[in-house]
């Protein structure tokens, strides 16, 4: 799997409370029309601890300040027992049309986390032979 810095939402971003990704990606309004543009969001660098669960969402906006945004989809709540190094969040491909700026949202349930890091990217294909 090839990763592109221009398509990176975050790399080993500490998520100890509900937050959004470090980076916003300007993909234009029809990023999904050429094929399956997928998201790779994974626990990377540090296992999660002390929270109850974590949910990852994808938000789209017409402007990079996200003053108004839509949530395209969310992963569902993933329990802390599963949030170990290498865990990939179950996210679908991007829809064919959406607003041009994208970011990730992280929603912590229960206590704030004392540890846990996430990396997230837009990708064309996921490596599955590992």
C-alpha atoms as a PDB file:
ATOM      1  CA  UNK A   1       0.000   0.000   0.000  1.00  0.00           C
ATOM      2  CA  UNK A   2       1.360   3.402  -0.996  1.00  0.00           C
ATOM      3  CA  UNK A   3       0.730   6.380   1.280  1.00  0.00           C
ATOM      4  CA  UNK A   4       0.800   9.993   0.090  1.00  0.00           C
ATOM      5  CA  UNK A   5       1.557  12.853   2.520  1.00  0.00           C
ATOM      6  CA  UNK A   6      -0.923  15.047   0.605  1.00  0.00           C
ATOM      7  CA  UNK A   7      -3.666  12.527   1.427  1.00  0.00           C
ATOM      8  CA  UNK A   8      -2.833  12.240   5.127  1.00  0.00           C
ATOM      9  CA  UNK A   9      -5.413  13.241   7.739  1.00  0.00           C
ATOM     10  CA  UNK A  10      -3.078  12.473  10.636  1.00  0.00           C
ATOM     11  CA  UNK A  11      -0.040  10.430  11.605  1.00  0.00           C
ATOM     12  CA  UNK A  12       0.189   8.998  15.097  1.00  0.00           C
ATOM     13  CA  UNK A  13      -2.181  11.677  16.384  1.00  0.00           C
ATOM     14  CA  UNK A  14      -2.818  11.322  20.109  1.00  0.00           C
ATOM     15  CA  UNK A  15      -6.568  11.037  20.678  1.00  0.00           C
ATOM     16  CA  UNK A  16      -7.194  11.401  24.402  1.00  0.00           C
ATOM     17  CA  UNK A  17     -10.507  13.301  24.061  1.00  0.00           C
ATOM     18  CA  UNK A  18     -13.014  13.902  21.263  1.00  0.00           C
ATOM     19  CA  UNK A  19     -11.248  15.818  18.479  1.00  0.00           C
ATOM     20  CA  UNK A  20     -10.783  16.214  14.723  1.00  0.00           C
ATOM     21  CA  UNK A  21      -7.828  15.201  12.552  1.00  0.00           C
ATOM     22  CA  UNK A  22      -4.689  17.347  12.391  1.00  0.00           C
ATOM     23  CA  UNK A  23      -5.115  17.881   8.642  1.00  0.00           C
ATOM     24  CA  UNK A  24      -7.921  18.780   6.256  1.00  0.00           C
ATOM     25  CA  UNK A  25      -7.698  17.378   2.723  1.00  0.00           C
ATOM     26  CA  UNK A  26      -9.025  19.305  -0.285  1.00  0.00           C
ATOM     27  CA  UNK A  27     -10.207  16.566  -2.641  1.00  0.00           C
ATOM     28  CA  UNK A  28     -12.737  18.460  -4.749  1.00  0.00           C
ATOM     29  CA  UNK A  29     -16.398  17.529  -4.950  1.00  0.00           C
ATOM     30  CA  UNK A  30     -16.151  14.364  -7.040  1.00  0.00           C
ATOM     31  CA  UNK A  31     -13.196  12.552  -5.493  1.00  0.00           C
ATOM     32  CA  UNK A  32     -15.107   9.277  -5.366  1.00  0.00           C
ATOM     33  CA  UNK A  33     -16.238   9.270  -9.005  1.00  0.00           C
ATOM     34  CA  UNK A  34     -13.114   7.647 -10.464  1.00  0.00           C
ATOM     35  CA  UNK A  35     -13.332   4.471  -8.433  1.00  0.00           C
ATOM     36  CA  UNK A  36     -13.150   3.283  -4.874  1.00  0.00           C
ATOM     37  CA  UNK A  37     -11.388   5.939  -2.838  1.00  0.00           C
ATOM     38  CA  UNK A  38     -11.028   4.355   0.562  1.00  0.00           C
ATOM     39  CA  UNK A  39      -9.971   5.477   3.993  1.00  0.00           C
ATOM     40  CA  UNK A  40      -7.308   3.747   6.037  1.00  0.00           C
ATOM     41  CA  UNK A  41      -7.694   4.732   9.673  1.00  0.00           C
ATOM     42  CA  UNK A  42      -5.794   2.648  12.192  1.00  0.00           C
ATOM     43  CA  UNK A  43      -4.442   2.551  15.712  1.00  0.00           C
ATOM     44  CA  UNK A  44      -0.812   3.447  15.112  1.00  0.00           C
ATOM     45  CA  UNK A  45       2.000   4.061  17.579  1.00  0.00           C
ATOM     46  CA  UNK A  46       0.179   3.443  20.848  1.00  0.00           C
ATOM     47  CA  UNK A  47      -2.679   1.243  22.114  1.00  0.00           C
ATOM     48  CA  UNK A  48      -5.681   2.988  23.673  1.00  0.00           C
ATOM     49  CA  UNK A  49      -6.281   2.924  27.415  1.00  0.00           C
ATOM     50  CA  UNK A  50      -9.012   3.951  29.907  1.00  0.00           C
ATOM     51  CA  UNK A  51     -11.725   5.124  27.487  1.00  0.00           C
ATOM     52  CA  UNK A  52     -14.820   2.961  26.927  1.00  0.00           C
ATOM     53  CA  UNK A  53     -14.886   3.177  23.120  1.00  0.00           C
ATOM     54  CA  UNK A  54     -13.888   5.299  20.124  1.00  0.00           C
ATOM     55  CA  UNK A  55     -15.866   6.207  17.000  1.00  0.00           C
ATOM     56  CA  UNK A  56     -14.286   7.601  13.822  1.00  0.00           C
ATOM     57  CA  UNK A  57     -16.295   9.732  11.401  1.00  0.00           C
ATOM     58  CA  UNK A  58     -15.640  11.410   8.079  1.00  0.00           C
ATOM     59  CA  UNK A  59     -16.797  15.013   7.742  1.00  0.00           C
ATOM     60  CA  UNK A  60     -17.115  17.080   4.539  1.00  0.00           C
ATOM     61  CA  UNK A  61     -17.395  20.846   4.130  1.00  0.00           C
ATOM     62  CA  UNK A  62     -17.520  23.376   1.324  1.00  0.00           C
ATOM     63  CA  UNK A  63     -14.813  25.444   3.086  1.00  0.00           C
ATOM     64  CA  UNK A  64     -11.599  24.530   4.875  1.00  0.00           C
ATOM     65  CA  UNK A  65     -12.732  26.156   8.141  1.00  0.00           C
ATOM     66  CA  UNK A  66     -15.583  23.609   8.536  1.00  0.00           C
ATOM     67  CA  UNK A  67     -17.980  26.284   9.800  1.00  0.00           C
ATOM     68  CA  UNK A  68     -20.710  24.103   8.229  1.00  0.00           C
ATOM     69  CA  UNK A  69     -20.110  20.404   7.608  1.00  0.00           C
ATOM     70  CA  UNK A  70     -21.833  17.100   6.959  1.00  0.00           C
ATOM     71  CA  UNK A  71     -20.871  13.803   8.541  1.00  0.00           C
ATOM     72  CA  UNK A  72     -20.636  11.365   5.628  1.00  0.00           C
ATOM     73  CA  UNK A  73     -20.421   8.223   7.797  1.00  0.00           C
ATOM     74  CA  UNK A  74     -19.037   6.845  11.061  1.00  0.00           C
ATOM     75  CA  UNK A  75     -17.391   3.597  12.113  1.00  0.00           C
ATOM     76  CA  UNK A  76     -19.638   2.790  15.037  1.00  0.00           C
ATOM     77  CA  UNK A  77     -18.272   2.533  18.573  1.00  0.00           C
ATOM     78  CA  UNK A  78     -15.189   0.332  18.866  1.00  0.00           C
ATOM     79  CA  UNK A  79     -14.507  -0.952  22.421  1.00  0.00           C
ATOM     80  CA  UNK A  80     -11.146  -0.220  24.020  1.00  0.00           C
ATOM     81  CA  UNK A  81     -10.273  -3.943  24.099  1.00  0.00           C
ATOM     82  CA  UNK A  82     -10.037  -3.862  20.267  1.00  0.00           C
ATOM     83  CA  UNK A  83      -8.122  -0.567  20.021  1.00  0.00           C
ATOM     84  CA  UNK A  84      -4.660  -2.111  19.837  1.00  0.00           C
ATOM     85  CA  UNK A  85      -1.718  -1.372  17.521  1.00  0.00           C
ATOM     86  CA  UNK A  86      -2.673  -2.146  13.903  1.00  0.00           C
ATOM     87  CA  UNK A  87      -6.462  -2.167  14.375  1.00  0.00           C
ATOM     88  CA  UNK A  88      -8.187  -0.725  11.248  1.00  0.00           C
ATOM     89  CA  UNK A  89     -11.532   1.023  11.642  1.00  0.00           C
ATOM     90  CA  UNK A  90     -14.315  -0.355   9.402  1.00  0.00           C
ATOM     91  CA  UNK A  91     -15.039   2.532   7.022  1.00  0.00           C
ATOM     92  CA  UNK A  92     -16.627   2.392   3.550  1.00  0.00           C
ATOM     93  CA  UNK A  93     -15.352   4.038   0.375  1.00  0.00           C
ATOM     94  CA  UNK A  94     -16.084   7.721  -0.177  1.00  0.00           C
ATOM     95  CA  UNK A  95     -19.422   8.483  -1.831  1.00  0.00           C
ATOM     96  CA  UNK A  96     -19.266   9.651  -5.448  1.00  0.00           C
ATOM     97  CA  UNK A  97     -20.242  13.245  -4.611  1.00  0.00           C
ATOM     98  CA  UNK A  98     -19.614  15.234  -1.464  1.00  0.00           C
ATOM     99  CA  UNK A  99     -18.310  18.648  -0.418  1.00  0.00           C
ATOM    100  CA  UNK A 100     -14.659  19.234  -1.307  1.00  0.00           C
ATOM    101  CA  UNK A 101     -12.890  19.423   2.067  1.00  0.00           C
ATOM    102  CA  UNK A 102     -12.591  16.311   4.254  1.00  0.00           C
ATOM    103  CA  UNK A 103     -11.444  15.643   7.805  1.00  0.00           C
ATOM    104  CA  UNK A 104     -11.785  12.870  10.362  1.00  0.00           C
ATOM    105  CA  UNK A 105     -13.626  13.199  13.661  1.00  0.00           C
ATOM    106  CA  UNK A 106     -12.803  11.130  16.735  1.00  0.00           C
ATOM    107  CA  UNK A 107     -15.490  10.674  19.396  1.00  0.00           C
ATOM    108  CA  UNK A 108     -14.382   9.279  22.757  1.00  0.00           C
ATOM    109  CA  UNK A 109     -17.006   7.538  24.899  1.00  0.00           C
ATOM    110  CA  UNK A 110     -16.564   7.151  28.652  1.00  0.00           C
ATOM    111  CA  UNK A 111     -13.500   8.604  30.359  1.00  0.00           C
ATOM    112  CA  UNK A 112     -10.916  10.437  28.296  1.00  0.00           C
ATOM    113  CA  UNK A 113      -8.112   8.183  27.096  1.00  0.00           C
ATOM    114  CA  UNK A 114      -4.766   8.210  28.878  1.00  0.00           C
ATOM    115  CA  UNK A 115      -3.098   6.738  25.783  1.00  0.00           C
ATOM    116  CA  UNK A 116      -3.895   6.036  22.147  1.00  0.00           C
ATOM    117  CA  UNK A 117      -2.766   7.227  18.722  1.00  0.00           C
ATOM    118  CA  UNK A 118      -4.380   7.102  15.284  1.00  0.00           C
ATOM    119  CA  UNK A 119      -3.142   7.525  11.704  1.00  0.00           C
ATOM    120  CA  UNK A 120      -5.528   8.156   8.800  1.00  0.00           C
ATOM    121  CA  UNK A 121      -5.138   8.380   5.017  1.00  0.00           C
ATOM    122  CA  UNK A 122      -7.091   8.399   1.763  1.00  0.00           C
ATOM    123  CA  UNK A 123      -5.979   5.380  -0.268  1.00  0.00           C
ATOM    124  CA  UNK A 124      -6.912   3.625  -3.513  1.00  0.00           C
ATOM    125  CA  UNK A 125      -6.362   0.050  -2.282  1.00  0.00           C
ATOM    126  CA  UNK A 126      -5.676  -1.493   1.103  1.00  0.00           C
ATOM    127  CA  UNK A 127      -2.860  -3.979   1.602  1.00  0.00           C
ATOM    128  CA  UNK A 128      -4.468  -7.206   2.763  1.00  0.00           C
ATOM    129  CA  UNK A 129      -1.645  -9.768   2.562  1.00  0.00           C
ATOM    130  CA  UNK A 130      -0.036  -8.871   5.890  1.00  0.00           C
END
